[in-house]
Amino acid sequence: MKIKSIHWLTAGSILSALGSLYFFLSIFAAASLASGYCKGKFSLFAEAMRCRQVHFAMILTILFAALCAYLGWKAARASQRNSDATDRNAGLK
């Protein structure tokens, strides 16, 4: 992979980690704001949108964390391939 691709994958991994952190913190904020209205009963299929926000935040946290892990894995793999190719080319000179 090209060096530019490694940088884009790394940047995407960092941004998705920040997104995952944001949604993780929004779980607590949504639970705190909706606890009185929902009486502590949160459900993905609740009638009020306010009672569903906690589960939406949980789902988005998991999705962004998985995206972060995938992009980080791809960046590490691309970096490893790039360093192997550089080592092989250095031996030819």
PDB file of N, CA and C in Angstrom:
ATOM      1  N   MET A   1       0.833  -1.177   0.000  1.00  0.00           N
ATOM      2  CA  MET A   1       0.000   0.000   0.000  1.00  0.00           C
ATOM      3  C   MET A   1       0.876   1.238   0.000  1.00  0.00           C
ATOM      4  N   LYS A   2       0.343   2.305  -0.502  1.00  0.00           N
ATOM      5  CA  LYS A   2       1.086   3.547  -0.531  1.00  0.00           C
ATOM      6  C   LYS A   2       1.141   4.165   0.857  1.00  0.00           C
ATOM      7  N   ILE A   3       2.127   5.007   1.038  1.00  0.00           N
ATOM      8  CA  ILE A   3       2.294   5.688   2.327  1.00  0.00           C
ATOM      9  C   ILE A   3       1.076   6.554   2.632  1.00  0.00           C
ATOM     10  N   LYS A   4       0.510   7.199   1.612  1.00  0.00           N
ATOM     11  CA  LYS A   4      -0.659   8.048   1.836  1.00  0.00           C
ATOM     12  C   LYS A   4      -1.826   7.229   2.386  1.00  0.00           C
ATOM     13  N   SER A   5      -1.982   6.013   1.907  1.00  0.00           N
ATOM     14  CA  SER A   5      -3.059   5.152   2.388  1.00  0.00           C
ATOM     15  C   SER A   5      -2.883   4.828   3.868  1.00  0.00           C
ATOM     16  N   ILE A   6      -1.652   4.627   4.285  1.00  0.00           N
ATOM     17  CA  ILE A   6      -1.386   4.327   5.689  1.00  0.00           C
ATOM     18  C   ILE A   6      -1.801   5.506   6.558  1.00  0.00           C
ATOM     19  N   HIS A   7      -1.485   6.707   6.090  1.00  0.00           N
ATOM     20  CA  HIS A   7      -1.855   7.899   6.859  1.00  0.00           C
ATOM     21  C   HIS A   7      -3.364   8.071   6.932  1.00  0.00           C
ATOM     22  N   TRP A   8      -4.063   7.812   5.824  1.00  0.00           N
ATOM     23  CA  TRP A   8      -5.525   7.922   5.828  1.00  0.00           C
ATOM     24  C   TRP A   8      -6.155   6.881   6.735  1.00  0.00           C
ATOM     25  N   LEU A   9      -5.624   5.670   6.719  1.00  0.00           N
ATOM     26  CA  LEU A   9      -6.150   4.628   7.597  1.00  0.00           C
ATOM     27  C   LEU A   9      -5.916   4.970   9.063  1.00  0.00           C
ATOM     28  N   THR A  10      -4.760   5.501   9.364  1.00  0.00           N
ATOM     29  CA  THR A  10      -4.452   5.891  10.736  1.00  0.00           C
ATOM     30  C   THR A  10      -5.341   7.041  11.192  1.00  0.00           C
ATOM     31  N   ALA A  11      -5.528   8.028  10.323  1.00  0.00           N
ATOM     32  CA  ALA A  11      -6.397   9.161  10.662  1.00  0.00           C
ATOM     33  C   ALA A  11      -7.842   8.694  10.863  1.00  0.00           C
ATOM     34  N   GLY A  12      -8.303   7.797  10.009  1.00  0.00           N
ATOM     35  CA  GLY A  12      -9.650   7.256  10.163  1.00  0.00           C
ATOM     36  C   GLY A  12      -9.814   6.474  11.445  1.00  0.00           C
ATOM     37  N   SER A  13      -8.776   5.744  11.815  1.00  0.00           N
ATOM     38  CA  SER A  13      -8.817   4.979  13.064  1.00  0.00           C
ATOM     39  C   SER A  13      -8.889   5.908  14.272  1.00  0.00           C
ATOM     40  N   ILE A  14      -8.114   6.965  14.235  1.00  0.00           N
ATOM     41  CA  ILE A  14      -8.124   7.923  15.349  1.00  0.00           C
ATOM     42  C   ILE A  14      -9.471   8.633  15.435  1.00  0.00           C
ATOM     43  N   LEU A  15     -10.006   9.047  14.290  1.00  0.00           N
ATOM     44  CA  LEU A  15     -11.309   9.726  14.294  1.00  0.00           C
ATOM     45  C   LEU A  15     -12.435   8.806  14.760  1.00  0.00           C
ATOM     46  N   SER A  16     -12.387   7.554  14.358  1.00  0.00           N
ATOM     47  CA  SER A  16     -13.434   6.635  14.813  1.00  0.00           C
ATOM     48  C   SER A  16     -13.269   6.308  16.297  1.00  0.00           C
ATOM     49  N   ALA A  17     -12.042   6.331  16.817  1.00  0.00           N
ATOM     50  CA  ALA A  17     -11.842   6.153  18.257  1.00  0.00           C
ATOM     51  C   ALA A  17     -12.437   7.336  19.019  1.00  0.00           C
ATOM     52  N   LEU A  18     -12.242   8.537  18.492  1.00  0.00           N
ATOM     53  CA  LEU A  18     -12.839   9.710  19.126  1.00  0.00           C
ATOM     54  C   LEU A  18     -14.367   9.665  19.052  1.00  0.00           C
ATOM     55  N   GLY A  19     -14.898   9.188  17.918  1.00  0.00           N
ATOM     56  CA  GLY A  19     -16.346   9.031  17.794  1.00  0.00           C
ATOM     57  C   GLY A  19     -16.885   8.005  18.776  1.00  0.00           C
ATOM     58  N   SER A  20     -16.157   6.931  18.943  1.00  0.00           N
ATOM     59  CA  SER A  20     -16.572   5.908  19.896  1.00  0.00           C
ATOM     60  C   SER A  20     -16.564   6.451  21.319  1.00  0.00           C
ATOM     61  N   LEU A  21     -15.552   7.218  21.655  1.00  0.00           N
ATOM     62  CA  LEU A  21     -15.482   7.838  22.985  1.00  0.00           C
ATOM     63  C   LEU A  21     -16.642   8.808  23.190  1.00  0.00           C
ATOM     64  N   TYR A  22     -16.959   9.591  22.154  1.00  0.00           N
ATOM     65  CA  TYR A  22     -18.066  10.544  22.236  1.00  0.00           C
ATOM     66  C   TYR A  22     -19.394   9.822  22.503  1.00  0.00           C
ATOM     67  N   PHE A  23     -19.657   8.755  21.755  1.00  0.00           N
ATOM     68  CA  PHE A  23     -20.909   8.036  21.942  1.00  0.00           C
ATOM     69  C   PHE A  23     -20.928   7.271  23.264  1.00  0.00           C
ATOM     70  N   PHE A  24     -19.756   6.824  23.726  1.00  0.00           N
ATOM     71  CA  PHE A  24     -19.691   6.176  25.035  1.00  0.00           C
ATOM     72  C   PHE A  24     -20.090   7.153  26.139  1.00  0.00           C
ATOM     73  N   LEU A  25     -19.586   8.372  26.046  1.00  0.00           N
ATOM     74  CA  LEU A  25     -19.957   9.377  27.043  1.00  0.00           C
ATOM     75  C   LEU A  25     -21.411   9.803  26.903  1.00  0.00           C
ATOM     76  N   SER A  26     -21.934   9.765  25.684  1.00  0.00           N
ATOM     77  CA  SER A  26     -23.341  10.140  25.494  1.00  0.00           C
ATOM     78  C   SER A  26     -24.294   9.095  26.073  1.00  0.00           C
ATOM     79  N   ILE A  27     -23.824   7.872  26.301  1.00  0.00           N
ATOM     80  CA  ILE A  27     -24.652   6.868  26.979  1.00  0.00           C
ATOM     81  C   ILE A  27     -25.021   7.382  28.364  1.00  0.00           C
ATOM     82  N   PHE A  28     -24.019   7.879  29.088  1.00  0.00           N
ATOM     83  CA  PHE A  28     -24.259   8.372  30.442  1.00  0.00           C
ATOM     84  C   PHE A  28     -25.096   9.647  30.436  1.00  0.00           C
ATOM     85  N   ALA A  29     -24.845  10.522  29.472  1.00  0.00           N
ATOM     86  CA  ALA A  29     -25.612  11.761  29.400  1.00  0.00           C
ATOM     87  C   ALA A  29     -27.073  11.473  29.090  1.00  0.00           C
ATOM     88  N   ALA A  30     -27.317  10.582  28.128  1.00  0.00           N
ATOM     89  CA  ALA A  30     -28.695  10.247  27.765  1.00  0.00           C
ATOM     90  C   ALA A  30     -29.411   9.540  28.916  1.00  0.00           C
ATOM     91  N   ALA A  31     -28.710   8.668  29.600  1.00  0.00           N
ATOM     92  CA  ALA A  31     -29.322   7.962  30.734  1.00  0.00           C
ATOM     93  C   ALA A  31     -29.656   8.930  31.861  1.00  0.00           C
ATOM     94  N   SER A  32     -28.774   9.883  32.081  1.00  0.00           N
ATOM     95  CA  SER A  32     -29.022  10.856  33.138  1.00  0.00           C
ATOM     96  C   SER A  32     -30.203  11.762  32.804  1.00  0.00           C
ATOM     97  N   LEU A  33     -30.268  12.209  31.559  1.00  0.00           N
ATOM     98  CA  LEU A  33     -31.350  13.119  31.165  1.00  0.00           C
ATOM     99  C   LEU A  33     -32.702  12.420  31.097  1.00  0.00           C
ATOM    100  N   ALA A  34     -32.707  11.164  30.735  1.00  0.00           N
ATOM    101  CA  ALA A  34     -33.971  10.460  30.535  1.00  0.00           C
ATOM    102  C   ALA A  34     -34.400   9.612  31.733  1.00  0.00           C
ATOM    103  N   SER A  35     -33.608   9.567  32.773  1.00  0.00           N
ATOM    104  CA  SER A  35     -33.932   8.665  33.883  1.00  0.00           C
ATOM    105  C   SER A  35     -35.242   9.033  34.577  1.00  0.00           C
ATOM    106  N   GLY A  36     -35.523  10.297  34.724  1.00  0.00           N
ATOM    107  CA  GLY A  36     -36.780  10.694  35.367  1.00  0.00           C
ATOM    108  C   GLY A  36     -37.976  10.457  34.465  1.00  0.00           C
ATOM    109  N   TYR A  37     -37.837  10.804  33.207  1.00  0.00           N
ATOM    110  CA  TYR A  37     -38.934  10.664  32.257  1.00  0.00           C
ATOM    111  C   TYR A  37     -39.271   9.197  31.998  1.00  0.00           C
ATOM    112  N   CYS A  38     -38.257   8.374  31.862  1.00  0.00           N
ATOM    113  CA  CYS A  38     -38.456   6.953  31.536  1.00  0.00           C
ATOM    114  C   CYS A  38     -38.551   6.078  32.779  1.00  0.00           C
ATOM    115  N   LYS A  39     -38.356   6.664  33.930  1.00  0.00           N
ATOM    116  CA  LYS A  39     -38.391   5.942  35.207  1.00  0.00           C
ATOM    117  C   LYS A  39     -37.383   4.798  35.253  1.00  0.00           C
ATOM    118  N   GLY A  40     -36.229   5.023  34.624  1.00  0.00           N
ATOM    119  CA  GLY A  40     -35.158   4.032  34.653  1.00  0.00           C
ATOM    120  C   GLY A  40     -35.368   2.839  33.741  1.00  0.00           C
ATOM    121  N   LYS A  41     -36.401   2.866  32.907  1.00  0.00           N
ATOM    122  CA  LYS A  41     -36.671   1.741  31.997  1.00  0.00           C
ATOM    123  C   LYS A  41     -36.376   2.187  30.567  1.00  0.00           C
ATOM    124  N   PHE A  42     -35.195   1.831  30.105  1.00  0.00           N
ATOM    125  CA  PHE A  42     -34.768   2.179  28.759  1.00  0.00           C
ATOM    126  C   PHE A  42     -34.956   0.971  27.858  1.00  0.00           C
ATOM    127  N   SER A  43     -35.449   1.210  26.663  1.00  0.00           N
ATOM    128  CA  SER A  43     -35.669   0.121  25.722  1.00  0.00           C
ATOM    129  C   SER A  43     -35.469   0.633  24.307  1.00  0.00           C
ATOM    130  N   LEU A  44     -34.977  -0.244  23.454  1.00  0.00           N
ATOM    131  CA  LEU A  44     -34.796   0.117  22.058  1.00  0.00           C
ATOM    132  C   LEU A  44     -36.135   0.301  21.354  1.00  0.00           C
ATOM    133  N   PHE A  45     -37.179  -0.305  21.894  1.00  0.00           N
ATOM    134  CA  PHE A  45     -38.498  -0.242  21.275  1.00  0.00           C
ATOM    135  C   PHE A  45     -39.494   0.572  22.110  1.00  0.00           C
ATOM    136  N   ALA A  46     -39.004   1.484  22.928  1.00  0.00           N
ATOM    137  CA  ALA A  46     -39.870   2.321  23.750  1.00  0.00           C
ATOM    138  C   ALA A  46     -40.635   3.307  22.859  1.00  0.00           C
ATOM    139  N   GLU A  47     -41.775   3.760  23.356  1.00  0.00           N
ATOM    140  CA  GLU A  47     -42.576   4.703  22.585  1.00  0.00           C
ATOM    141  C   GLU A  47     -41.895   6.064  22.490  1.00  0.00           C
ATOM    142  N   ALA A  48     -41.327   6.523  23.577  1.00  0.00           N
ATOM    143  CA  ALA A  48     -40.683   7.839  23.594  1.00  0.00           C
ATOM    144  C   ALA A  48     -39.247   7.729  23.080  1.00  0.00           C
ATOM    145  N   MET A  49     -38.881   8.645  22.212  1.00  0.00           N
ATOM    146  CA  MET A  49     -37.531   8.648  21.656  1.00  0.00           C
ATOM    147  C   MET A  49     -36.480   8.841  22.752  1.00  0.00           C
ATOM    148  N   ARG A  50     -36.824   9.586  23.753  1.00  0.00           N
ATOM    149  CA  ARG A  50     -35.899   9.865  24.845  1.00  0.00           C
ATOM    150  C   ARG A  50     -35.458   8.575  25.538  1.00  0.00           C
ATOM    151  N   CYS A  51     -36.331   7.593  25.595  1.00  0.00           N
ATOM    152  CA  CYS A  51     -36.003   6.322  26.263  1.00  0.00           C
ATOM    153  C   CYS A  51     -35.191   5.391  25.371  1.00  0.00           C
ATOM    154  N   ARG A  52     -35.105   5.711  24.068  1.00  0.00           N
ATOM    155  CA  ARG A  52     -34.334   4.889  23.131  1.00  0.00           C
ATOM    156  C   ARG A  52     -32.905   5.373  22.952  1.00  0.00           C
ATOM    157  N   GLN A  53     -32.625   6.609  23.332  1.00  0.00           N
ATOM    158  CA  GLN A  53     -31.328   7.209  23.034  1.00  0.00           C
ATOM    159  C   GLN A  53     -30.161   6.464  23.671  1.00  0.00           C
ATOM    160  N   VAL A  54     -30.364   5.881  24.811  1.00  0.00           N
ATOM    161  CA  VAL A  54     -29.284   5.144  25.478  1.00  0.00           C
ATOM    162  C   VAL A  54     -28.841   3.962  24.617  1.00  0.00           C
ATOM    163  N   HIS A  55     -29.799   3.238  24.093  1.00  0.00           N
ATOM    164  CA  HIS A  55     -29.464   2.075  23.265  1.00  0.00           C
ATOM    165  C   HIS A  55     -28.866   2.485  21.926  1.00  0.00           C
ATOM    166  N   PHE A  56     -29.340   3.585  21.356  1.00  0.00           N
ATOM    167  CA  PHE A  56     -28.727   4.077  20.122  1.00  0.00           C
ATOM    168  C   PHE A  56     -27.265   4.446  20.351  1.00  0.00           C
ATOM    169  N   ALA A  57     -26.988   5.084  21.484  1.00  0.00           N
ATOM    170  CA  ALA A  57     -25.605   5.447  21.804  1.00  0.00           C
ATOM    171  C   ALA A  57     -24.742   4.199  22.006  1.00  0.00           C
ATOM    172  N   MET A  58     -25.305   3.161  22.629  1.00  0.00           N
ATOM    173  CA  MET A  58     -24.554   1.910  22.812  1.00  0.00           C
ATOM    174  C   MET A  58     -24.216   1.262  21.469  1.00  0.00           C
ATOM    175  N   ILE A  59     -25.192   1.230  20.578  1.00  0.00           N
ATOM    176  CA  ILE A  59     -24.972   0.633  19.259  1.00  0.00           C
ATOM    177  C   ILE A  59     -23.912   1.413  18.488  1.00  0.00           C
ATOM    178  N   LEU A  60     -23.996   2.747  18.515  1.00  0.00           N
ATOM    179  CA  LEU A  60     -23.014   3.561  17.800  1.00  0.00           C
ATOM    180  C   LEU A  60     -21.625   3.450  18.424  1.00  0.00           C
ATOM    181  N   THR A  61     -21.555   3.292  19.727  1.00  0.00           N
ATOM    182  CA  THR A  61     -20.255   3.089  20.382  1.00  0.00           C
ATOM    183  C   THR A  61     -19.608   1.808  19.879  1.00  0.00           C
ATOM    184  N   ILE A  62     -20.378   0.743  19.811  1.00  0.00           N
ATOM    185  CA  ILE A  62     -19.846  -0.536  19.342  1.00  0.00           C
ATOM    186  C   ILE A  62     -19.429  -0.461  17.877  1.00  0.00           C
ATOM    187  N   LEU A  63     -20.240   0.191  17.043  1.00  0.00           N
ATOM    188  CA  LEU A  63     -19.911   0.311  15.623  1.00  0.00           C
ATOM    189  C   LEU A  63     -18.640   1.127  15.405  1.00  0.00           C
ATOM    190  N   PHE A  64     -18.518   2.248  16.090  1.00  0.00           N
ATOM    191  CA  PHE A  64     -17.323   3.075  15.926  1.00  0.00           C
ATOM    192  C   PHE A  64     -16.088   2.386  16.497  1.00  0.00           C
ATOM    193  N   ALA A  65     -16.228   1.639  17.583  1.00  0.00           N
ATOM    194  CA  ALA A  65     -15.087   0.905  18.136  1.00  0.00           C
ATOM    195  C   ALA A  65     -14.641  -0.197  17.172  1.00  0.00           C
ATOM    196  N   ALA A  66     -15.590  -0.871  16.561  1.00  0.00           N
ATOM    197  CA  ALA A  66     -15.243  -1.905  15.577  1.00  0.00           C
ATOM    198  C   ALA A  66     -14.561  -1.287  14.357  1.00  0.00           C
ATOM    199  N   LEU A  67     -15.049  -0.135  13.913  1.00  0.00           N
ATOM    200  CA  LEU A  67     -14.423   0.561  12.786  1.00  0.00           C
ATOM    201  C   LEU A  67     -13.009   0.994  13.145  1.00  0.00           C
ATOM    202  N   CYS A  68     -12.819   1.478  14.353  1.00  0.00           N
ATOM    203  CA  CYS A  68     -11.486   1.869  14.820  1.00  0.00           C
ATOM    204  C   CYS A  68     -10.537   0.684  14.810  1.00  0.00           C
ATOM    205  N   ALA A  69     -10.989  -0.441  15.320  1.00  0.00           N
ATOM    206  CA  ALA A  69     -10.144  -1.634  15.351  1.00  0.00           C
ATOM    207  C   ALA A  69      -9.802  -2.113  13.942  1.00  0.00           C
ATOM    208  N   TYR A  70     -10.786  -2.090  13.054  1.00  0.00           N
ATOM    209  CA  TYR A  70     -10.551  -2.538  11.673  1.00  0.00           C
ATOM    210  C   TYR A  70      -9.561  -1.628  10.951  1.00  0.00           C
ATOM    211  N   LEU A  71      -9.772  -0.316  11.055  1.00  0.00           N
ATOM    212  CA  LEU A  71      -8.872   0.614  10.372  1.00  0.00           C
ATOM    213  C   LEU A  71      -7.472   0.577  10.976  1.00  0.00           C
ATOM    214  N   GLY A  72      -7.379   0.413  12.291  1.00  0.00           N
ATOM    215  CA  GLY A  72      -6.070   0.278  12.922  1.00  0.00           C
ATOM    216  C   GLY A  72      -5.348  -0.973  12.478  1.00  0.00           C
ATOM    217  N   TRP A  73      -6.089  -2.059  12.349  1.00  0.00           N
ATOM    218  CA  TRP A  73      -5.503  -3.319  11.876  1.00  0.00           C
ATOM    219  C   TRP A  73      -5.012  -3.176  10.435  1.00  0.00           C
ATOM    220  N   LYS A  74      -5.837  -2.524   9.585  1.00  0.00           N
ATOM    221  CA  LYS A  74      -5.434  -2.332   8.192  1.00  0.00           C
ATOM    222  C   LYS A  74      -4.204  -1.432   8.091  1.00  0.00           C
ATOM    223  N   ALA A  75      -4.139  -0.381   8.923  1.00  0.00           N
ATOM    224  CA  ALA A  75      -2.979   0.523   8.903  1.00  0.00           C
ATOM    225  C   ALA A  75      -1.724  -0.199   9.363  1.00  0.00           C
ATOM    226  N   ALA A  76      -1.834  -1.011  10.402  1.00  0.00           N
ATOM    227  CA  ALA A  76      -0.671  -1.758  10.887  1.00  0.00           C
ATOM    228  C   ALA A  76      -0.197  -2.768   9.851  1.00  0.00           C
ATOM    229  N   ARG A  77      -1.145  -3.399   9.216  1.00  0.00           N
ATOM    230  CA  ARG A  77      -0.798  -4.376   8.181  1.00  0.00           C
ATOM    231  C   ARG A  77      -0.135  -3.708   6.982  1.00  0.00           C
ATOM    232  N   ALA A  78      -0.664  -2.554   6.577  1.00  0.00           N
ATOM    233  CA  ALA A  78      -0.082  -1.820   5.452  1.00  0.00           C
ATOM    234  C   ALA A  78       1.304  -1.299   5.813  1.00  0.00           C
ATOM    235  N   SER A  79       1.479  -0.859   7.041  1.00  0.00           N
ATOM    236  CA  SER A  79       2.780  -0.373   7.482  1.00  0.00           C
ATOM    237  C   SER A  79       3.800  -1.509   7.501  1.00  0.00           C
ATOM    238  N   GLN A  80       3.380  -2.687   7.947  1.00  0.00           N
ATOM    239  CA  GLN A  80       4.268  -3.847   7.974  1.00  0.00           C
ATOM    240  C   GLN A  80       4.678  -4.245   6.565  1.00  0.00           C
ATOM    241  N   ARG A  81       3.732  -4.243   5.658  1.00  0.00           N
ATOM    242  CA  ARG A  81       4.054  -4.588   4.263  1.00  0.00           C
ATOM    243  C   ARG A  81       5.006  -3.574   3.658  1.00  0.00           C
ATOM    244  N   ASN A  82       4.801  -2.303   3.986  1.00  0.00           N
ATOM    245  CA  ASN A  82       5.652  -1.253   3.450  1.00  0.00           C
ATOM    246  C   ASN A  82       7.076  -1.381   3.986  1.00  0.00           C
ATOM    247  N   SER A  83       7.221  -1.701   5.272  1.00  0.00           N
ATOM    248  CA  SER A  83       8.566  -1.844   5.840  1.00  0.00           C
ATOM    249  C   SER A  83       9.260  -3.095   5.296  1.00  0.00           C
ATOM    250  N   ASP A  84       8.505  -4.166   5.046  1.00  0.00           N
ATOM    251  CA  ASP A  84       9.098  -5.369   4.452  1.00  0.00           C
ATOM    252  C   ASP A  84       9.603  -5.092   3.048  1.00  0.00           C
ATOM    253  N   ALA A  85       8.818  -4.337   2.281  1.00  0.00           N
ATOM    254  CA  ALA A  85       9.220  -4.006   0.916  1.00  0.00           C
ATOM    255  C   ALA A  85      10.433  -3.094   0.918  1.00  0.00           C
ATOM    256  N   THR A  86      10.506  -2.186   1.873  1.00  0.00           N
ATOM    257  CA  THR A  86      11.654  -1.278   1.975  1.00  0.00           C
ATOM    258  C   THR A  86      12.914  -2.061   2.342  1.00  0.00           C
ATOM    259  N   ASP A  87      12.785  -3.030   3.252  1.00  0.00           N
ATOM    260  CA  ASP A  87      13.922  -3.854   3.650  1.00  0.00           C
ATOM    261  C   ASP A  87      14.429  -4.682   2.475  1.00  0.00           C
ATOM    262  N   ARG A  88      13.519  -5.210   1.682  1.00  0.00           N
ATOM    263  CA  ARG A  88      13.930  -6.005   0.525  1.00  0.00           C
ATOM    264  C   ARG A  88      14.615  -5.135  -0.518  1.00  0.00           C
ATOM    265  N   ASN A  89      14.099  -3.927  -0.721  1.00  0.00           N
ATOM    266  CA  ASN A  89      14.706  -3.028  -1.710  1.00  0.00           C
ATOM    267  C   ASN A  89      16.066  -2.523  -1.253  1.00  0.00           C
ATOM    268  N   ALA A  90      16.262  -2.373   0.052  1.00  0.00           N
ATOM    269  CA  ALA A  90      17.557  -1.904   0.560  1.00  0.00           C
ATOM    270  C   ALA A  90      18.637  -2.980   0.350  1.00  0.00           C
ATOM    271  N   GLY A  91      18.256  -4.231   0.385  1.00  0.00           N
ATOM    272  CA  GLY A  91      19.212  -5.311   0.175  1.00  0.00           C
ATOM    273  C   GLY A  91      19.659  -5.431  -1.274  1.00  0.00           C
ATOM    274  N   LEU A  92      18.874  -4.899  -2.207  1.00  0.00           N
ATOM    275  CA  LEU A  92      19.217  -4.994  -3.617  1.00  0.00           C
ATOM    276  C   LEU A  92      20.240  -3.952  -4.042  1.00  0.00           C
ATOM    277  N   LYS A  93      20.395  -2.898  -3.290  1.00  0.00           N
ATOM    278  CA  LYS A  93      21.300  -1.824  -3.708  1.00  0.00           C
ATOM    279  C   LYS A  93      22.744  -2.172  -3.456  1.00  0.00           C
TER     280      LYS A  93
END
